[in-house]
Amino acid sequence: MKPLHKKDALNRLKTVRGHLDAVIAMVDDERYCPDVMKQVSALQGSLEKVNRVLLQNHVETCVLHAVEQGRSGQIVDELMETLRYTPAITGPTNQEDQ
């Protein structure tokens, strides 16, 4: 993993961990449900940003390396599978299509 991407991903994940602890406390304190839901949505957005960092790293390292080795067909299939886990980029998957 590229050092810059690793640092970015770790910083974002540590922020998410702290935010998640705060949301857990909100639920434990029986805070107003819409307030908790807003915070959960913010957490989801933060995790999507982590996914984007990881995807960028994957393309810049693993995908590029595989193409250089002549494994472009294999890496395209893998990349398409990977993109299924990034609904913010590709849109939600339809469970009936799976």
N, C-alpha and C. Protein backbone atom coordinates (compact mmCIF):
# COMPACT_ATOMS: atom_id res chain seq x y z
N MET A 1 0.86 -1.18 0.00
CA MET A 1 0.00 0.00 0.00
C MET A 1 0.90 1.23 0.00
N LYS A 2 0.52 2.20 -0.81
CA LYS A 2 1.29 3.44 -0.85
C LYS A 2 1.19 4.13 0.51
N PRO A 3 2.31 4.64 1.02
CA PRO A 3 2.30 5.26 2.36
C PRO A 3 1.26 6.36 2.53
N LEU A 4 1.08 7.19 1.52
CA LEU A 4 0.10 8.28 1.63
C LEU A 4 -1.32 7.73 1.77
N HIS A 5 -1.64 6.70 0.97
CA HIS A 5 -2.97 6.10 1.05
C HIS A 5 -3.17 5.38 2.38
N LYS A 6 -2.12 4.70 2.83
CA LYS A 6 -2.21 4.00 4.12
C LYS A 6 -2.49 4.99 5.24
N LYS A 7 -1.73 6.09 5.26
CA LYS A 7 -1.93 7.10 6.30
C LYS A 7 -3.33 7.67 6.24
N ASP A 8 -3.80 7.98 5.03
CA ASP A 8 -5.14 8.55 4.85
C ASP A 8 -6.21 7.57 5.34
N ALA A 9 -6.09 6.30 4.92
CA ALA A 9 -7.08 5.29 5.32
C ALA A 9 -7.09 5.09 6.83
N LEU A 10 -5.90 4.99 7.43
CA LEU A 10 -5.83 4.79 8.88
C LEU A 10 -6.39 5.98 9.64
N ASN A 11 -6.07 7.18 9.21
CA ASN A 11 -6.62 8.37 9.88
C ASN A 11 -8.13 8.39 9.80
N ARG A 12 -8.66 8.09 8.63
CA ARG A 12 -10.12 8.07 8.46
C ARG A 12 -10.76 6.99 9.33
N LEU A 13 -10.14 5.81 9.37
CA LEU A 13 -10.70 4.71 10.17
C LEU A 13 -10.65 5.02 11.66
N LYS A 14 -9.60 5.67 12.10
CA LYS A 14 -9.51 6.04 13.52
C LYS A 14 -10.58 7.08 13.87
N THR A 15 -10.84 7.98 12.94
CA THR A 15 -11.91 8.96 13.14
C THR A 15 -13.26 8.26 13.21
N VAL A 16 -13.47 7.29 12.32
CA VAL A 16 -14.72 6.52 12.32
C VAL A 16 -14.88 5.78 13.64
N ARG A 17 -13.80 5.21 14.14
CA ARG A 17 -13.87 4.48 15.41
C ARG A 17 -14.34 5.40 16.54
N GLY A 18 -13.79 6.59 16.61
CA GLY A 18 -14.22 7.55 17.63
C GLY A 18 -15.66 7.97 17.45
N HIS A 19 -16.05 8.19 16.20
CA HIS A 19 -17.43 8.58 15.89
C HIS A 19 -18.39 7.45 16.26
N LEU A 20 -18.00 6.21 15.94
CA LEU A 20 -18.83 5.06 16.26
C LEU A 20 -19.03 4.94 17.77
N ASP A 21 -17.98 5.16 18.54
CA ASP A 21 -18.12 5.12 20.00
C ASP A 21 -19.13 6.16 20.47
N ALA A 22 -19.11 7.34 19.85
CA ALA A 22 -20.06 8.39 20.22
C ALA A 22 -21.49 7.98 19.86
N VAL A 23 -21.67 7.33 18.73
CA VAL A 23 -23.01 6.88 18.33
C VAL A 23 -23.50 5.78 19.26
N ILE A 24 -22.61 4.88 19.64
CA ILE A 24 -22.98 3.84 20.60
C ILE A 24 -23.46 4.48 21.90
N ALA A 25 -22.76 5.51 22.35
CA ALA A 25 -23.17 6.22 23.57
C ALA A 25 -24.53 6.88 23.38
N MET A 26 -24.79 7.40 22.19
CA MET A 26 -26.09 8.02 21.91
C MET A 26 -27.22 6.98 22.06
N VAL A 27 -26.99 5.80 21.50
CA VAL A 27 -28.01 4.74 21.60
C VAL A 27 -28.16 4.32 23.06
N ASP A 28 -27.04 4.16 23.75
CA ASP A 28 -27.08 3.77 25.16
C ASP A 28 -27.84 4.80 25.99
N ASP A 29 -27.69 6.07 25.64
CA ASP A 29 -28.38 7.16 26.35
C ASP A 29 -29.80 7.39 25.85
N GLU A 30 -30.23 6.56 24.90
CA GLU A 30 -31.57 6.64 24.31
C GLU A 30 -31.86 8.02 23.73
N ARG A 31 -30.90 8.53 22.97
CA ARG A 31 -31.06 9.82 22.32
C ARG A 31 -32.11 9.72 21.23
N TYR A 32 -32.58 10.85 20.77
CA TYR A 32 -33.62 10.95 19.76
C TYR A 32 -33.19 10.21 18.49
N CYS A 33 -34.03 9.27 18.06
CA CYS A 33 -33.68 8.36 16.96
C CYS A 33 -33.20 9.09 15.70
N PRO A 34 -33.90 10.13 15.23
CA PRO A 34 -33.39 10.81 14.03
C PRO A 34 -31.98 11.38 14.20
N ASP A 35 -31.65 11.82 15.42
CA ASP A 35 -30.29 12.32 15.66
C ASP A 35 -29.27 11.19 15.52
N VAL A 36 -29.61 10.03 16.05
CA VAL A 36 -28.72 8.87 15.94
C VAL A 36 -28.60 8.46 14.48
N MET A 37 -29.71 8.44 13.78
CA MET A 37 -29.71 8.04 12.37
C MET A 37 -28.84 8.97 11.53
N LYS A 38 -28.87 10.26 11.82
CA LYS A 38 -28.01 11.21 11.10
C LYS A 38 -26.54 10.88 11.31
N GLN A 39 -26.21 10.52 12.55
CA GLN A 39 -24.82 10.18 12.85
C GLN A 39 -24.41 8.86 12.18
N VAL A 40 -25.33 7.90 12.12
CA VAL A 40 -25.05 6.64 11.42
C VAL A 40 -24.81 6.92 9.94
N SER A 41 -25.62 7.80 9.37
CA SER A 41 -25.44 8.17 7.96
C SER A 41 -24.08 8.83 7.74
N ALA A 42 -23.68 9.67 8.67
CA ALA A 42 -22.36 10.31 8.57
C ALA A 42 -21.25 9.27 8.64
N LEU A 43 -21.43 8.27 9.49
CA LEU A 43 -20.45 7.18 9.58
C LEU A 43 -20.36 6.42 8.26
N GLN A 44 -21.51 6.15 7.66
CA GLN A 44 -21.51 5.44 6.39
C GLN A 44 -20.75 6.24 5.33
N GLY A 45 -20.96 7.54 5.31
CA GLY A 45 -20.24 8.39 4.37
C GLY A 45 -18.74 8.35 4.61
N SER A 46 -18.35 8.36 5.86
CA SER A 46 -16.93 8.29 6.20
C SER A 46 -16.32 6.97 5.76
N LEU A 47 -17.05 5.88 5.94
CA LEU A 47 -16.56 4.58 5.51
C LEU A 47 -16.46 4.50 3.99
N GLU A 48 -17.39 5.13 3.29
CA GLU A 48 -17.31 5.17 1.82
C GLU A 48 -16.05 5.91 1.38
N LYS A 49 -15.68 6.96 2.10
CA LYS A 49 -14.45 7.68 1.76
C LYS A 49 -13.23 6.78 1.96
N VAL A 50 -13.25 5.97 3.00
CA VAL A 50 -12.16 5.01 3.20
C VAL A 50 -12.11 4.05 2.02
N ASN A 51 -13.27 3.57 1.60
CA ASN A 51 -13.33 2.66 0.45
C ASN A 51 -12.73 3.31 -0.80
N ARG A 52 -13.00 4.59 -1.00
CA ARG A 52 -12.45 5.28 -2.17
C ARG A 52 -10.93 5.35 -2.11
N VAL A 53 -10.40 5.61 -0.92
CA VAL A 53 -8.94 5.64 -0.75
C VAL A 53 -8.36 4.27 -1.06
N LEU A 54 -8.99 3.22 -0.54
CA LEU A 54 -8.50 1.86 -0.78
C LEU A 54 -8.61 1.49 -2.25
N LEU A 55 -9.70 1.89 -2.89
CA LEU A 55 -9.86 1.60 -4.32
C LEU A 55 -8.79 2.33 -5.13
N GLN A 56 -8.55 3.58 -4.81
CA GLN A 56 -7.52 4.34 -5.52
C GLN A 56 -6.17 3.66 -5.37
N ASN A 57 -5.85 3.24 -4.15
CA ASN A 57 -4.59 2.54 -3.93
C ASN A 57 -4.54 1.26 -4.74
N HIS A 58 -5.62 0.51 -4.76
CA HIS A 58 -5.66 -0.75 -5.49
C HIS A 58 -5.41 -0.53 -6.98
N VAL A 59 -6.06 0.48 -7.54
CA VAL A 59 -5.88 0.76 -8.97
C VAL A 59 -4.44 1.20 -9.25
N GLU A 60 -3.91 2.06 -8.40
CA GLU A 60 -2.57 2.59 -8.62
C GLU A 60 -1.46 1.57 -8.37
N THR A 61 -1.76 0.50 -7.67
CA THR A 61 -0.72 -0.48 -7.35
C THR A 61 -1.04 -1.84 -7.98
N CYS A 62 -1.98 -2.55 -7.43
CA CYS A 62 -2.28 -3.92 -7.85
C CYS A 62 -2.77 -4.00 -9.29
N VAL A 63 -3.70 -3.14 -9.64
CA VAL A 63 -4.26 -3.19 -11.00
C VAL A 63 -3.17 -2.84 -12.01
N LEU A 64 -2.45 -1.78 -11.75
CA LEU A 64 -1.38 -1.37 -12.66
C LEU A 64 -0.35 -2.49 -12.83
N HIS A 65 0.04 -3.11 -11.72
CA HIS A 65 1.02 -4.20 -11.76
C HIS A 65 0.48 -5.39 -12.58
N ALA A 66 -0.77 -5.74 -12.39
CA ALA A 66 -1.36 -6.86 -13.12
C ALA A 66 -1.42 -6.57 -14.62
N VAL A 67 -1.76 -5.35 -14.99
CA VAL A 67 -1.81 -4.99 -16.42
C VAL A 67 -0.40 -5.07 -17.01
N GLU A 68 0.58 -4.58 -16.28
CA GLU A 68 1.97 -4.66 -16.75
C GLU A 68 2.42 -6.09 -16.95
N GLN A 69 1.86 -7.03 -16.18
CA GLN A 69 2.20 -8.45 -16.30
C GLN A 69 1.35 -9.16 -17.35
N GLY A 70 0.47 -8.43 -18.02
CA GLY A 70 -0.36 -9.03 -19.06
C GLY A 70 -1.58 -9.76 -18.53
N ARG A 71 -1.98 -9.48 -17.31
CA ARG A 71 -3.14 -10.14 -16.71
C ARG A 71 -4.35 -9.21 -16.70
N SER A 72 -4.54 -8.45 -17.77
CA SER A 72 -5.59 -7.43 -17.78
C SER A 72 -6.99 -8.04 -17.69
N GLY A 73 -7.24 -9.16 -18.36
CA GLY A 73 -8.56 -9.79 -18.29
C GLY A 73 -8.91 -10.22 -16.88
N GLN A 74 -7.97 -10.84 -16.22
CA GLN A 74 -8.18 -11.30 -14.84
C GLN A 74 -8.40 -10.12 -13.90
N ILE A 75 -7.61 -9.07 -14.06
CA ILE A 75 -7.72 -7.94 -13.14
C ILE A 75 -9.00 -7.16 -13.39
N VAL A 76 -9.49 -7.13 -14.62
CA VAL A 76 -10.76 -6.45 -14.89
C VAL A 76 -11.89 -7.18 -14.16
N ASP A 77 -11.89 -8.51 -14.22
CA ASP A 77 -12.91 -9.28 -13.50
C ASP A 77 -12.82 -9.02 -11.99
N GLU A 78 -11.60 -9.01 -11.47
CA GLU A 78 -11.42 -8.76 -10.05
C GLU A 78 -11.87 -7.34 -9.68
N LEU A 79 -11.54 -6.39 -10.53
CA LEU A 79 -11.92 -5.01 -10.27
C LEU A 79 -13.44 -4.85 -10.29
N MET A 80 -14.11 -5.49 -11.22
CA MET A 80 -15.57 -5.43 -11.27
C MET A 80 -16.17 -6.02 -9.99
N GLU A 81 -15.60 -7.11 -9.51
CA GLU A 81 -16.07 -7.71 -8.26
C GLU A 81 -15.82 -6.75 -7.10
N THR A 82 -14.66 -6.13 -7.08
CA THR A 82 -14.32 -5.18 -6.02
C THR A 82 -15.28 -4.00 -6.01
N LEU A 83 -15.66 -3.52 -7.18
CA LEU A 83 -16.55 -2.37 -7.27
C LEU A 83 -17.94 -2.66 -6.70
N ARG A 84 -18.29 -3.92 -6.59
CA ARG A 84 -19.58 -4.28 -5.98
C ARG A 84 -19.63 -3.83 -4.52
N TYR A 85 -18.48 -3.64 -3.90
CA TYR A 85 -18.41 -3.25 -2.50
C TYR A 85 -18.31 -1.74 -2.32
N THR A 86 -18.50 -1.00 -3.39
CA THR A 86 -18.41 0.46 -3.33
C THR A 86 -19.67 1.08 -3.92
N PRO A 87 -20.82 0.90 -3.25
CA PRO A 87 -22.08 1.41 -3.81
C PRO A 87 -22.11 2.92 -4.00
N ALA A 88 -21.33 3.65 -3.24
CA ALA A 88 -21.32 5.11 -3.43
C ALA A 88 -20.73 5.47 -4.79
N ILE A 89 -19.88 4.61 -5.31
CA ILE A 89 -19.27 4.84 -6.61
C ILE A 89 -20.11 4.23 -7.72
N THR A 90 -20.59 3.01 -7.49
CA THR A 90 -21.27 2.27 -8.55
C THR A 90 -22.78 2.24 -8.41
N GLY A 91 -23.31 2.70 -7.30
CA GLY A 91 -24.74 2.62 -7.04
C GLY A 91 -25.05 1.34 -6.30
N PRO A 92 -26.19 1.30 -5.62
CA PRO A 92 -26.54 0.10 -4.84
C PRO A 92 -26.75 -1.10 -5.75
N THR A 93 -26.42 -2.27 -5.23
CA THR A 93 -26.64 -3.49 -5.99
C THR A 93 -28.05 -3.98 -5.73
N ASN A 94 -28.62 -4.60 -6.73
CA ASN A 94 -29.96 -5.17 -6.62
C ASN A 94 -29.79 -6.62 -6.19
N GLN A 95 -30.28 -6.97 -5.03
CA GLN A 95 -30.13 -8.31 -4.48
C GLN A 95 -30.71 -9.38 -5.41
N GLU A 96 -31.75 -9.04 -6.18
CA GLU A 96 -32.37 -10.01 -7.07
C GLU A 96 -31.46 -10.37 -8.23
N ASP A 97 -30.52 -9.50 -8.58
CA ASP A 97 -29.62 -9.75 -9.69
C ASP A 97 -28.48 -10.69 -9.31
N GLN A 98 -28.32 -10.95 -8.03
CA GLN A 98 -27.18 -11.75 -7.59
C GLN A 98 -27.47 -13.21 -7.61
